[in-house]
Amino acid sequence: MRYGYWMPVFGGWLRNVADEQMEASWDYARDLAVRAEQIGYDLTLIAELNLNDIKGVTEPALDAWSTAAAIAAVTRTQEIMVAVRPNFHQPALFAKAAANIDRISGGRLSLNVVSSWWADEARQYGLQFDQHDDRYARTSEWLEVVKGLWREERFSFEGQFYRTDQAICAPKPLHAPVLYAGGESEAAKTMIAGRCDAYVMHGDPVSAIAPKIADMRARRADAGGARMTFGMAAYAIVRDSEAEAQRELARITDVQALPAGYANFDQWLSGTQLERELKIQEYSVSNRGLRPNLVGTPEQLRERIAEYEDAGLDLLLLQMSPQKEEMERFAAQVIAA
């Protein structure tokens, strides 16, 4: 298993806890990334939203791509997976900028390709927001342009959404960045199986993750592609006793009133084909992070992680709070063991 962590670009992950002691700042992000390498984390995922989805839209949120370039310069080994939303980035210009960041990192850049869900954010920034299947059609075309510029000396393209004319991208990335993407609709899975290298999933029990992996493996084989990597988001609480872990779980899921960001959550549900029946408790942690039940003693977490490995999972993308302290604990008690 490889272990990744979400960079806390929103100042935390808990919608019901106002101050998690992890401010949205470059200083915090830098120190966390440097320390993460030292204690065994393989990857950081940097989310891309211009508005703060966790703490409320008026709260600070770090820009993903300038943060990624800076993290690339101060780290040496960890993979830097950065979310990118095609409707926010003209593909030829993006290919140029991303290639430069890959060079800064020494070839450690990867992309988490996200077909946008937040219509109001796009409207505020004056950007196109497509209907569901059209978003994946745009993403497929966008990826063709980006990969073409990284691959060819000059690249021309004429499509529904984008066009280039003998465009040049130099220098190119040191290695073709790994392309991660997630989605549960038919349009999403078809696009990912044909155009991406890795499939990332929201948190779920092993019983739900195993068939998803099997399905995507079959789709990938039908598309004639190489073996895919599989990752999953999860929120982790590790304590010396199960009772301690359950007390922390109760603390973070105690919903007294609807927090500031609830309207964004409601819009996310209405804009995707994910399950609509998420309990209000699950709102407290994003990306269905509590469903994998990585809550308990070090021994319990290691057993559950082994079950995910047996199902074919390669990568855990972890959220914790407060991030620095909990990542230290998880590294010492779970990763190192």
C-alpha atoms as a PDB file:
ATOM      1  CA  MET A   1       0.000   0.000   0.000  1.00  0.00           C
ATOM      2  CA  ARG A   2       1.121   3.535  -0.770  1.00  0.00           C
ATOM      3  CA  TYR A   3       0.095   6.321   1.580  1.00  0.00           C
ATOM      4  CA  GLY A   4      -0.924   9.755   0.397  1.00  0.00           C
ATOM      5  CA  TYR A   5      -2.357  12.714   2.265  1.00  0.00           C
ATOM      6  CA  TRP A   6      -4.618  15.571   1.260  1.00  0.00           C
ATOM      7  CA  MET A   7      -2.885  18.916   1.532  1.00  0.00           C
ATOM      8  CA  PRO A   8      -5.167  21.012   3.821  1.00  0.00           C
ATOM      9  CA  VAL A   9      -5.648  23.855   1.361  1.00  0.00           C
ATOM     10  CA  PHE A  10      -8.992  24.729   2.993  1.00  0.00           C
ATOM     11  CA  GLY A  11      -7.687  24.988   6.572  1.00  0.00           C
ATOM     12  CA  GLY A  12      -8.970  21.561   7.571  1.00  0.00           C
ATOM     13  CA  TRP A  13     -11.401  18.782   6.666  1.00  0.00           C
ATOM     14  CA  LEU A  14     -14.085  18.915   9.353  1.00  0.00           C
ATOM     15  CA  ARG A  15     -17.162  20.915   8.493  1.00  0.00           C
ATOM     16  CA  ASN A  16     -18.451  20.772  12.077  1.00  0.00           C
ATOM     17  CA  VAL A  17     -15.214  21.920  13.759  1.00  0.00           C
ATOM     18  CA  ALA A  18     -14.502  25.582  13.097  1.00  0.00           C
ATOM     19  CA  ASP A  19     -10.815  25.762  14.087  1.00  0.00           C
ATOM     20  CA  GLU A  20      -8.726  22.653  13.450  1.00  0.00           C
ATOM     21  CA  GLN A  21      -5.367  24.345  14.161  1.00  0.00           C
ATOM     22  CA  MET A  22      -4.254  23.937  10.541  1.00  0.00           C
ATOM     23  CA  GLU A  23      -4.655  27.264   8.787  1.00  0.00           C
ATOM     24  CA  ALA A  24      -4.823  27.589   5.016  1.00  0.00           C
ATOM     25  CA  SER A  25      -1.337  29.059   4.570  1.00  0.00           C
ATOM     26  CA  TRP A  26       1.820  28.429   2.602  1.00  0.00           C
ATOM     27  CA  ASP A  27       3.859  28.080   5.804  1.00  0.00           C
ATOM     28  CA  TYR A  28       1.656  25.240   7.051  1.00  0.00           C
ATOM     29  CA  ALA A  29       1.601  23.508   3.642  1.00  0.00           C
ATOM     30  CA  ARG A  30       5.386  23.741   3.254  1.00  0.00           C
ATOM     31  CA  ASP A  31       6.175  22.386   6.703  1.00  0.00           C
ATOM     32  CA  LEU A  32       3.659  19.561   6.307  1.00  0.00           C
ATOM     33  CA  ALA A  33       5.039  18.481   2.921  1.00  0.00           C
ATOM     34  CA  VAL A  34       8.649  18.474   4.099  1.00  0.00           C
ATOM     35  CA  ARG A  35       7.818  16.500   7.243  1.00  0.00           C
ATOM     36  CA  ALA A  36       5.586  14.033   5.362  1.00  0.00           C
ATOM     37  CA  GLU A  37       8.537  12.882   3.280  1.00  0.00           C
ATOM     38  CA  GLN A  38      10.557  12.214   6.398  1.00  0.00           C
ATOM     39  CA  ILE A  39       7.943   9.991   8.048  1.00  0.00           C
ATOM     40  CA  GLY A  40       6.885   7.778   5.158  1.00  0.00           C
ATOM     41  CA  TYR A  41       4.177   9.390   3.042  1.00  0.00           C
ATOM     42  CA  ASP A  42       4.464   8.736  -0.689  1.00  0.00           C
ATOM     43  CA  LEU A  43       2.165  11.351  -2.184  1.00  0.00           C
ATOM     44  CA  THR A  44       0.309  14.576  -1.551  1.00  0.00           C
ATOM     45  CA  LEU A  45      -3.025  15.388  -3.197  1.00  0.00           C
ATOM     46  CA  ILE A  46      -3.644  19.103  -3.705  1.00  0.00           C
ATOM     47  CA  ALA A  47      -7.324  19.846  -4.315  1.00  0.00           C
ATOM     48  CA  GLU A  48      -8.360  22.586  -6.733  1.00  0.00           C
ATOM     49  CA  LEU A  49     -11.243  24.838  -5.735  1.00  0.00           C
ATOM     50  CA  ASN A  50     -11.205  28.615  -5.780  1.00  0.00           C
ATOM     51  CA  LEU A  51     -13.886  28.770  -3.098  1.00  0.00           C
ATOM     52  CA  ASN A  52     -13.592  27.046   0.275  1.00  0.00           C
ATOM     53  CA  ASP A  53     -15.845  23.998   0.158  1.00  0.00           C
ATOM     54  CA  ILE A  54     -15.115  22.923   3.747  1.00  0.00           C
ATOM     55  CA  LYS A  55     -15.205  26.020   5.941  1.00  0.00           C
ATOM     56  CA  GLY A  56     -17.515  28.209   3.859  1.00  0.00           C
ATOM     57  CA  VAL A  57     -17.045  30.138   0.626  1.00  0.00           C
ATOM     58  CA  THR A  58     -15.790  33.332   2.250  1.00  0.00           C
ATOM     59  CA  GLU A  59     -12.940  31.565   4.074  1.00  0.00           C
ATOM     60  CA  PRO A  60      -9.380  31.352   2.635  1.00  0.00           C
ATOM     61  CA  ALA A  61      -8.460  28.563   0.208  1.00  0.00           C
ATOM     62  CA  LEU A  62      -4.993  28.080  -1.268  1.00  0.00           C
ATOM     63  CA  ASP A  63      -4.596  28.052  -5.048  1.00  0.00           C
ATOM     64  CA  ALA A  64      -3.715  24.521  -6.130  1.00  0.00           C
ATOM     65  CA  TRP A  65      -1.232  25.151  -8.917  1.00  0.00           C
ATOM     66  CA  SER A  66       0.953  27.858  -7.410  1.00  0.00           C
ATOM     67  CA  THR A  67       1.034  25.768  -4.215  1.00  0.00           C
ATOM     68  CA  ALA A  68       2.061  22.719  -6.249  1.00  0.00           C
ATOM     69  CA  ALA A  69       4.955  24.587  -7.881  1.00  0.00           C
ATOM     70  CA  ALA A  70       6.188  25.731  -4.479  1.00  0.00           C
ATOM     71  CA  ILE A  71       5.849  22.242  -2.951  1.00  0.00           C
ATOM     72  CA  ALA A  72       7.783  20.839  -5.912  1.00  0.00           C
ATOM     73  CA  ALA A  73      10.699  23.126  -5.062  1.00  0.00           C
ATOM     74  CA  VAL A  74      10.961  22.198  -1.365  1.00  0.00           C
ATOM     75  CA  THR A  75      10.422  18.419  -1.546  1.00  0.00           C
ATOM     76  CA  ARG A  76      12.507  15.652  -3.057  1.00  0.00           C
ATOM     77  CA  THR A  77      10.676  12.316  -3.158  1.00  0.00           C
ATOM     78  CA  GLN A  78       6.890  12.532  -2.790  1.00  0.00           C
ATOM     79  CA  GLU A  79       4.581  12.425  -5.776  1.00  0.00           C
ATOM     80  CA  ILE A  80       2.639  15.671  -6.199  1.00  0.00           C
ATOM     81  CA  MET A  81      -0.871  14.877  -7.410  1.00  0.00           C
ATOM     82  CA  VAL A  82      -2.690  18.092  -8.281  1.00  0.00           C
ATOM     83  CA  ALA A  83      -6.368  18.321  -9.109  1.00  0.00           C
ATOM     84  CA  VAL A  84      -7.170  20.010 -12.411  1.00  0.00           C
ATOM     85  CA  ARG A  85     -10.588  20.906 -13.799  1.00  0.00           C
ATOM     86  CA  PRO A  86     -10.584  21.179 -17.589  1.00  0.00           C
ATOM     87  CA  ASN A  87     -13.177  23.967 -17.789  1.00  0.00           C
ATOM     88  CA  PHE A  88     -10.872  26.161 -15.659  1.00  0.00           C
ATOM     89  CA  HIS A  89      -7.729  25.644 -17.807  1.00  0.00           C
ATOM     90  CA  GLN A  90      -7.098  26.204 -21.511  1.00  0.00           C
ATOM     91  CA  PRO A  91      -5.327  22.915 -22.349  1.00  0.00           C
ATOM     92  CA  ALA A  92      -2.359  24.154 -24.397  1.00  0.00           C
ATOM     93  CA  LEU A  93      -1.405  26.765 -21.820  1.00  0.00           C
ATOM     94  CA  PHE A  94      -1.962  24.245 -19.043  1.00  0.00           C
ATOM     95  CA  ALA A  95       0.316  21.686 -20.737  1.00  0.00           C
ATOM     96  CA  LYS A  96       3.104  24.268 -20.802  1.00  0.00           C
ATOM     97  CA  ALA A  97       2.725  25.270 -17.132  1.00  0.00           C
ATOM     98  CA  ALA A  98       2.363  21.695 -15.875  1.00  0.00           C
ATOM     99  CA  ALA A  99       5.438  20.555 -17.809  1.00  0.00           C
ATOM    100  CA  ASN A 100       7.425  23.281 -16.090  1.00  0.00           C
ATOM    101  CA  ILE A 101       6.202  22.201 -12.634  1.00  0.00           C
ATOM    102  CA  ASP A 102       7.092  18.608 -13.483  1.00  0.00           C
ATOM    103  CA  ARG A 103      10.621  19.781 -14.317  1.00  0.00           C
ATOM    104  CA  ILE A 104      10.855  21.709 -11.041  1.00  0.00           C
ATOM    105  CA  SER A 105       9.862  18.547  -9.157  1.00  0.00           C
ATOM    106  CA  GLY A 106      12.259  16.275 -11.025  1.00  0.00           C
ATOM    107  CA  GLY A 107       9.457  14.310 -12.668  1.00  0.00           C
ATOM    108  CA  ARG A 108       7.114  13.889  -9.662  1.00  0.00           C
ATOM    109  CA  LEU A 109       3.990  15.624 -10.978  1.00  0.00           C
ATOM    110  CA  SER A 110       0.723  13.734 -11.493  1.00  0.00           C
ATOM    111  CA  LEU A 111      -2.788  14.987 -12.262  1.00  0.00           C
ATOM    112  CA  ASN A 112      -6.116  14.279 -10.610  1.00  0.00           C
ATOM    113  CA  VAL A 113      -8.454  15.133 -13.477  1.00  0.00           C
ATOM    114  CA  VAL A 114     -11.782  16.363 -12.080  1.00  0.00           C
ATOM    115  CA  SER A 115     -14.814  17.060 -14.256  1.00  0.00           C
ATOM    116  CA  SER A 116     -16.252  20.002 -12.310  1.00  0.00           C
ATOM    117  CA  TRP A 117     -19.321  19.698 -10.103  1.00  0.00           C
ATOM    118  CA  TRP A 118     -19.686  23.186  -8.577  1.00  0.00           C
ATOM    119  CA  ALA A 119     -21.853  25.239 -10.941  1.00  0.00           C
ATOM    120  CA  ASP A 120     -21.994  28.332  -8.736  1.00  0.00           C
ATOM    121  CA  GLU A 121     -18.211  28.569  -8.509  1.00  0.00           C
ATOM    122  CA  ALA A 122     -17.907  28.429 -12.301  1.00  0.00           C
ATOM    123  CA  ARG A 123     -20.564  31.133 -12.621  1.00  0.00           C
ATOM    124  CA  GLN A 124     -18.785  33.408 -10.141  1.00  0.00           C
ATOM    125  CA  TYR A 125     -15.548  33.102 -12.099  1.00  0.00           C
ATOM    126  CA  GLY A 126     -17.213  33.571 -15.475  1.00  0.00           C
ATOM    127  CA  LEU A 127     -16.411  30.065 -16.738  1.00  0.00           C
ATOM    128  CA  GLN A 128     -18.281  27.498 -18.779  1.00  0.00           C
ATOM    129  CA  PHE A 129     -20.139  24.805 -16.813  1.00  0.00           C
ATOM    130  CA  ASP A 130     -21.330  21.864 -18.901  1.00  0.00           C
ATOM    131  CA  GLN A 131     -24.071  19.362 -18.204  1.00  0.00           C
ATOM    132  CA  HIS A 132     -22.957  16.034 -16.744  1.00  0.00           C
ATOM    133  CA  ASP A 133     -22.031  13.920 -19.787  1.00  0.00           C
ATOM    134  CA  ASP A 134     -20.791  16.989 -21.668  1.00  0.00           C
ATOM    135  CA  ARG A 135     -18.280  17.559 -18.859  1.00  0.00           C
ATOM    136  CA  TYR A 136     -16.700  14.189 -19.579  1.00  0.00           C
ATOM    137  CA  ALA A 137     -16.740  14.853 -23.324  1.00  0.00           C
ATOM    138  CA  ARG A 138     -14.861  18.100 -22.633  1.00  0.00           C
ATOM    139  CA  THR A 139     -12.427  16.296 -20.331  1.00  0.00           C
ATOM    140  CA  SER A 140     -11.697  13.624 -22.931  1.00  0.00           C
ATOM    141  CA  GLU A 141     -10.915  16.244 -25.576  1.00  0.00           C
ATOM    142  CA  TRP A 142      -8.887  18.323 -23.084  1.00  0.00           C
ATOM    143  CA  LEU A 143      -6.740  15.297 -22.225  1.00  0.00           C
ATOM    144  CA  GLU A 144      -6.117  14.607 -25.901  1.00  0.00           C
ATOM    145  CA  VAL A 145      -4.719  18.117 -26.344  1.00  0.00           C
ATOM    146  CA  VAL A 146      -2.575  18.034 -23.186  1.00  0.00           C
ATOM    147  CA  LYS A 147      -1.110  14.608 -23.931  1.00  0.00           C
ATOM    148  CA  GLY A 148      -0.555  15.528 -27.572  1.00  0.00           C
ATOM    149  CA  LEU A 149       1.471  18.603 -26.607  1.00  0.00           C
ATOM    150  CA  TRP A 150       3.536  16.559 -24.155  1.00  0.00           C
ATOM    151  CA  ARG A 151       4.155  13.872 -26.769  1.00  0.00           C
ATOM    152  CA  GLU A 152       4.687  15.673 -30.095  1.00  0.00           C
ATOM    153  CA  GLU A 153       7.034  18.431 -31.222  1.00  0.00           C
ATOM    154  CA  ARG A 154       4.134  20.314 -32.817  1.00  0.00           C
ATOM    155  CA  PHE A 155       0.528  19.451 -32.174  1.00  0.00           C
ATOM    156  CA  SER A 156      -2.572  20.404 -34.150  1.00  0.00           C
ATOM    157  CA  PHE A 157      -6.089  19.585 -33.023  1.00  0.00           C
ATOM    158  CA  GLU A 158      -9.624  20.487 -34.091  1.00  0.00           C
ATOM    159  CA  GLY A 159     -12.427  19.438 -31.768  1.00  0.00           C
ATOM    160  CA  GLN A 160     -15.786  20.494 -30.387  1.00  0.00           C
ATOM    161  CA  PHE A 161     -14.279  22.390 -27.450  1.00  0.00           C
ATOM    162  CA  TYR A 162     -10.626  23.064 -28.314  1.00  0.00           C
ATOM    163  CA  ARG A 163      -8.284  23.646 -31.236  1.00  0.00           C
ATOM    164  CA  THR A 164      -4.548  24.117 -31.669  1.00  0.00           C
ATOM    165  CA  ASP A 165      -2.439  24.867 -34.748  1.00  0.00           C
ATOM    166  CA  GLN A 166       1.108  23.470 -34.754  1.00  0.00           C
ATOM    167  CA  ALA A 167       1.442  24.305 -31.038  1.00  0.00           C
ATOM    168  CA  ILE A 168       4.780  23.751 -29.283  1.00  0.00           C
ATOM    169  CA  CYS A 169       5.348  22.687 -25.673  1.00  0.00           C
ATOM    170  CA  ALA A 170       9.037  22.818 -24.722  1.00  0.00           C
ATOM    171  CA  PRO A 171      10.508  21.738 -22.447  1.00  0.00           C
ATOM    172  CA  LYS A 172       8.294  18.722 -22.059  1.00  0.00           C
ATOM    173  CA  PRO A 173       7.721  16.871 -18.775  1.00  0.00           C
ATOM    174  CA  LEU A 174      10.554  14.600 -17.697  1.00  0.00           C
ATOM    175  CA  HIS A 175       8.038  11.739 -17.681  1.00  0.00           C
ATOM    176  CA  ALA A 176       4.425  11.694 -18.789  1.00  0.00           C
ATOM    177  CA  PRO A 177       2.556  12.574 -15.566  1.00  0.00           C
ATOM    178  CA  VAL A 178       0.299   9.842 -14.217  1.00  0.00           C
ATOM    179  CA  LEU A 179      -3.360  10.688 -14.869  1.00  0.00           C
ATOM    180  CA  TYR A 180      -5.751   9.907 -12.012  1.00  0.00           C
ATOM    181  CA  ALA A 181      -9.508  10.440 -12.241  1.00  0.00           C
ATOM    182  CA  GLY A 182     -12.672   9.402 -10.453  1.00  0.00           C
ATOM    183  CA  GLY A 183     -16.347   9.122 -11.218  1.00  0.00           C
ATOM    184  CA  GLU A 184     -19.241   6.713 -10.831  1.00  0.00           C
ATOM    185  CA  SER A 185     -21.336   7.424 -13.911  1.00  0.00           C
ATOM    186  CA  GLU A 186     -21.108   5.431 -17.126  1.00  0.00           C
ATOM    187  CA  ALA A 187     -19.674   8.452 -18.963  1.00  0.00           C
ATOM    188  CA  ALA A 188     -16.979   8.899 -16.326  1.00  0.00           C
ATOM    189  CA  LYS A 189     -15.889   5.265 -16.218  1.00  0.00           C
ATOM    190  CA  THR A 190     -15.751   4.987 -20.002  1.00  0.00           C
ATOM    191  CA  MET A 191     -13.579   8.111 -20.250  1.00  0.00           C
ATOM    192  CA  ILE A 192     -11.259   7.015 -17.415  1.00  0.00           C
ATOM    193  CA  ALA A 193     -10.784   3.476 -18.715  1.00  0.00           C
ATOM    194  CA  GLY A 194      -9.772   4.826 -22.109  1.00  0.00           C
ATOM    195  CA  ARG A 195      -7.714   7.897 -21.252  1.00  0.00           C
ATOM    196  CA  CYS A 196      -6.327   7.724 -17.688  1.00  0.00           C
ATOM    197  CA  ASP A 197      -3.808   5.644 -15.760  1.00  0.00           C
ATOM    198  CA  ALA A 198      -5.447   5.387 -12.362  1.00  0.00           C
ATOM    199  CA  TYR A 199      -8.933   5.293 -10.861  1.00  0.00           C
ATOM    200  CA  VAL A 200      -9.582   7.079  -7.562  1.00  0.00           C
ATOM    201  CA  MET A 201     -12.682   6.455  -5.494  1.00  0.00           C
ATOM    202  CA  HIS A 202     -14.550   8.059  -2.646  1.00  0.00           C
ATOM    203  CA  GLY A 203     -14.410   6.126   0.597  1.00  0.00           C
ATOM    204  CA  ASP A 204     -16.435   2.930   0.873  1.00  0.00           C
ATOM    205  CA  PRO A 205     -16.266  -0.437   2.652  1.00  0.00           C
ATOM    206  CA  VAL A 206     -14.171  -3.177   1.052  1.00  0.00           C
ATOM    207  CA  SER A 207     -17.381  -4.903  -0.044  1.00  0.00           C
ATOM    208  CA  ALA A 208     -18.172  -1.898  -2.249  1.00  0.00           C
ATOM    209  CA  ILE A 209     -14.610  -1.129  -3.401  1.00  0.00           C
ATOM    210  CA  ALA A 210     -13.740  -4.656  -4.585  1.00  0.00           C
ATOM    211  CA  PRO A 211     -16.427  -4.799  -7.339  1.00  0.00           C
ATOM    212  CA  LYS A 212     -15.565  -1.272  -8.471  1.00  0.00           C
ATOM    213  CA  ILE A 213     -11.939  -2.324  -8.958  1.00  0.00           C
ATOM    214  CA  ALA A 214     -13.003  -5.484 -10.793  1.00  0.00           C
ATOM    215  CA  ASP A 215     -15.309  -3.475 -13.063  1.00  0.00           C
ATOM    216  CA  MET A 216     -12.631  -0.929 -13.957  1.00  0.00           C
ATOM    217  CA  ARG A 217     -10.062  -3.664 -14.571  1.00  0.00           C
ATOM    218  CA  ALA A 218     -12.461  -5.257 -17.074  1.00  0.00           C
ATOM    219  CA  ARG A 219     -13.169  -1.922 -18.757  1.00  0.00           C
ATOM    220  CA  ARG A 220      -9.449  -1.236 -18.978  1.00  0.00           C
ATOM    221  CA  ALA A 221      -8.801  -4.623 -20.564  1.00  0.00           C
ATOM    222  CA  ASP A 222     -11.541  -3.982 -23.111  1.00  0.00           C
ATOM    223  CA  ALA A 223      -9.935  -0.612 -23.909  1.00  0.00           C
ATOM    224  CA  GLY A 224      -6.561  -2.295 -24.438  1.00  0.00           C
ATOM    225  CA  GLY A 225      -4.759  -0.293 -21.773  1.00  0.00           C
ATOM    226  CA  ALA A 226      -2.015  -1.174 -19.298  1.00  0.00           C
ATOM    227  CA  ARG A 227      -2.757  -2.087 -15.675  1.00  0.00           C
ATOM    228  CA  MET A 228      -4.514   0.679 -13.753  1.00  0.00           C
ATOM    229  CA  THR A 229      -3.651   1.933 -10.264  1.00  0.00           C
ATOM    230  CA  PHE A 230      -6.509   2.176  -7.754  1.00  0.00           C
ATOM    231  CA  GLY A 231      -6.766   4.728  -4.963  1.00  0.00           C
ATOM    232  CA  MET A 232      -9.370   5.621  -2.337  1.00  0.00           C
ATOM    233  CA  ALA A 233     -10.052   8.589  -0.069  1.00  0.00           C
ATOM    234  CA  ALA A 234     -10.362   7.924   3.658  1.00  0.00           C
ATOM    235  CA  TYR A 235     -10.393   9.767   6.963  1.00  0.00           C
ATOM    236  CA  ALA A 236      -8.203   8.127   9.627  1.00  0.00           C
ATOM    237  CA  ILE A 237      -8.406   8.161  13.423  1.00  0.00           C
ATOM    238  CA  VAL A 238      -5.846   6.013  15.218  1.00  0.00           C
ATOM    239  CA  ARG A 239      -5.771   5.761  19.017  1.00  0.00           C
ATOM    240  CA  ASP A 240      -4.351   3.394  21.612  1.00  0.00           C
ATOM    241  CA  SER A 241      -7.822   2.042  22.393  1.00  0.00           C
ATOM    242  CA  GLU A 242     -10.998   1.608  20.384  1.00  0.00           C
ATOM    243  CA  ALA A 243     -12.924   3.616  22.991  1.00  0.00           C
ATOM    244  CA  GLU A 244     -10.601   6.614  22.498  1.00  0.00           C
ATOM    245  CA  ALA A 245     -11.013   6.402  18.723  1.00  0.00           C
ATOM    246  CA  GLN A 246     -14.798   6.266  19.026  1.00  0.00           C
ATOM    247  CA  ARG A 247     -14.812   9.323  21.286  1.00  0.00           C
ATOM    248  CA  GLU A 248     -12.904  11.275  18.662  1.00  0.00           C
ATOM    249  CA  LEU A 249     -15.305  10.059  15.969  1.00  0.00           C
ATOM    250  CA  ALA A 250     -18.252  11.243  18.057  1.00  0.00           C
ATOM    251  CA  ARG A 251     -16.628  14.641  18.511  1.00  0.00           C
ATOM    252  CA  ILE A 252     -16.115  15.338  14.813  1.00  0.00           C
ATOM    253  CA  THR A 253     -19.563  14.101  13.711  1.00  0.00           C
ATOM    254  CA  ASP A 254     -21.602  15.986  16.292  1.00  0.00           C
ATOM    255  CA  VAL A 255     -23.852  18.192  14.156  1.00  0.00           C
ATOM    256  CA  GLN A 256     -25.486  20.907  16.260  1.00  0.00           C
ATOM    257  CA  ALA A 257     -26.565  23.095  13.329  1.00  0.00           C
ATOM    258  CA  LEU A 258     -26.029  23.208   9.590  1.00  0.00           C
ATOM    259  CA  PRO A 259     -22.558  24.706   9.040  1.00  0.00           C
ATOM    260  CA  ALA A 260     -21.656  27.494   6.620  1.00  0.00           C
ATOM    261  CA  GLY A 261     -20.755  25.202   3.731  1.00  0.00           C
ATOM    262  CA  TYR A 262     -23.906  23.080   3.709  1.00  0.00           C
ATOM    263  CA  ALA A 263     -25.343  24.805   0.641  1.00  0.00           C
ATOM    264  CA  ASN A 264     -22.263  23.755  -1.355  1.00  0.00           C
ATOM    265  CA  PHE A 265     -22.727  20.160  -0.209  1.00  0.00           C
ATOM    266  CA  ASP A 266     -26.348  20.237  -1.323  1.00  0.00           C
ATOM    267  CA  GLN A 267     -25.291  21.573  -4.738  1.00  0.00           C
ATOM    268  CA  TRP A 268     -22.648  18.849  -5.071  1.00  0.00           C
ATOM    269  CA  LEU A 269     -25.277  16.166  -4.510  1.00  0.00           C
ATOM    270  CA  SER A 270     -27.580  17.711  -7.100  1.00  0.00           C
ATOM    271  CA  GLY A 271     -24.780  17.978  -9.661  1.00  0.00           C
ATOM    272  CA  THR A 272     -23.473  14.405  -9.591  1.00  0.00           C
ATOM    273  CA  GLN A 273     -24.759  10.866  -9.967  1.00  0.00           C
ATOM    274  CA  LEU A 274     -23.388   9.764  -6.599  1.00  0.00           C
ATOM    275  CA  GLU A 275     -25.707   8.330  -3.996  1.00  0.00           C
ATOM    276  CA  ARG A 276     -28.181  10.932  -2.731  1.00  0.00           C
ATOM    277  CA  GLU A 277     -28.783   9.294   0.613  1.00  0.00           C
ATOM    278  CA  LEU A 278     -25.701  10.459   2.479  1.00  0.00           C
ATOM    279  CA  LYS A 279     -26.505  10.953   6.112  1.00  0.00           C
ATOM    280  CA  ILE A 280     -26.007  14.395   7.598  1.00  0.00           C
ATOM    281  CA  GLN A 281     -23.258  12.886   9.782  1.00  0.00           C
ATOM    282  CA  GLU A 282     -21.278  12.072   6.648  1.00  0.00           C
ATOM    283  CA  TYR A 283     -21.320  15.728   5.730  1.00  0.00           C
ATOM    284  CA  SER A 284     -18.851  16.335   8.556  1.00  0.00           C
ATOM    285  CA  VAL A 285     -16.064  14.611   6.548  1.00  0.00           C
ATOM    286  CA  SER A 286     -15.709  15.039   2.774  1.00  0.00           C
ATOM    287  CA  ASN A 287     -15.346  12.372   0.093  1.00  0.00           C
ATOM    288  CA  ARG A 288     -17.208   9.722   2.130  1.00  0.00           C
ATOM    289  CA  GLY A 289     -14.061   9.514   4.216  1.00  0.00           C
ATOM    290  CA  LEU A 290     -15.635   7.752   7.195  1.00  0.00           C
ATOM    291  CA  ARG A 291     -17.115   4.841   5.244  1.00  0.00           C
ATOM    292  CA  PRO A 292     -13.839   2.837   5.141  1.00  0.00           C
ATOM    293  CA  ASN A 293     -13.921   2.827   8.979  1.00  0.00           C
ATOM    294  CA  LEU A 294     -10.225   3.570   9.451  1.00  0.00           C
ATOM    295  CA  VAL A 295     -11.100   4.355  13.064  1.00  0.00           C
ATOM    296  CA  GLY A 296      -9.580   2.336  15.898  1.00  0.00           C
ATOM    297  CA  THR A 297      -6.338   0.966  17.244  1.00  0.00           C
ATOM    298  CA  PRO A 298      -3.183   0.584  15.125  1.00  0.00           C
ATOM    299  CA  GLU A 299      -3.817  -3.158  14.911  1.00  0.00           C
ATOM    300  CA  GLN A 300      -7.397  -2.656  13.721  1.00  0.00           C
ATOM    301  CA  LEU A 301      -6.345  -0.159  11.064  1.00  0.00           C
ATOM    302  CA  ARG A 302      -3.585  -2.415   9.767  1.00  0.00           C
ATOM    303  CA  GLU A 303      -6.044  -5.298   9.449  1.00  0.00           C
ATOM    304  CA  ARG A 304      -8.560  -3.182   7.548  1.00  0.00           C
ATOM    305  CA  ILE A 305      -5.896  -1.771   5.245  1.00  0.00           C
ATOM    306  CA  ALA A 306      -4.727  -5.321   4.479  1.00  0.00           C
ATOM    307  CA  GLU A 307      -8.283  -6.170   3.397  1.00  0.00           C
ATOM    308  CA  TYR A 308      -8.229  -3.263   0.944  1.00  0.00           C
ATOM    309  CA  GLU A 309      -4.870  -4.437  -0.394  1.00  0.00           C
ATOM    310  CA  ASP A 310      -6.335  -7.895  -0.959  1.00  0.00           C
ATOM    311  CA  ALA A 311      -9.165  -6.278  -2.923  1.00  0.00           C
ATOM    312  CA  GLY A 312      -6.647  -4.590  -5.234  1.00  0.00           C
ATOM    313  CA  LEU A 313      -6.317  -1.118  -3.717  1.00  0.00           C
ATOM    314  CA  ASP A 314      -2.886   0.460  -4.247  1.00  0.00           C
ATOM    315  CA  LEU A 315      -3.171   3.908  -2.647  1.00  0.00           C
ATOM    316  CA  LEU A 316      -4.864   5.486   0.365  1.00  0.00           C
ATOM    317  CA  LEU A 317      -5.500   9.237   0.188  1.00  0.00           C
ATOM    318  CA  LEU A 318      -5.832  10.222   3.836  1.00  0.00           C
ATOM    319  CA  GLN A 319      -7.410  13.140   5.621  1.00  0.00           C
ATOM    320  CA  MET A 320      -6.770  13.694   9.343  1.00  0.00           C
ATOM    321  CA  SER A 321      -7.254  16.492  11.863  1.00  0.00           C
ATOM    322  CA  PRO A 322      -5.219  18.258  13.026  1.00  0.00           C
ATOM    323  CA  GLN A 323      -3.151  17.093  10.090  1.00  0.00           C
ATOM    324  CA  LYS A 324       0.421  17.462  11.388  1.00  0.00           C
ATOM    325  CA  GLU A 325      -0.157  15.736  14.694  1.00  0.00           C
ATOM    326  CA  GLU A 326      -2.382  12.963  13.345  1.00  0.00           C
ATOM    327  CA  MET A 327      -0.087  12.235  10.382  1.00  0.00           C
ATOM    328  CA  GLU A 328       2.781  11.779  12.843  1.00  0.00           C
ATOM    329  CA  ARG A 329       0.706   9.339  14.910  1.00  0.00           C
ATOM    330  CA  PHE A 330      -0.491   7.391  11.860  1.00  0.00           C
ATOM    331  CA  ALA A 331       3.026   7.160  10.441  1.00  0.00           C
ATOM    332  CA  ALA A 332       4.509   5.868  13.677  1.00  0.00           C
ATOM    333  CA  GLN A 333       1.736   3.426  14.586  1.00  0.00           C
ATOM    334  CA  VAL A 334       0.468   2.220  11.209  1.00  0.00           C
ATOM    335  CA  ILE A 335       2.915   2.914   8.360  1.00  0.00           C
ATOM    336  CA  ALA A 336       6.141   2.179  10.238  1.00  0.00           C
ATOM    337  CA  ALA A 337       4.688  -0.972  11.791  1.00  0.00           C
END
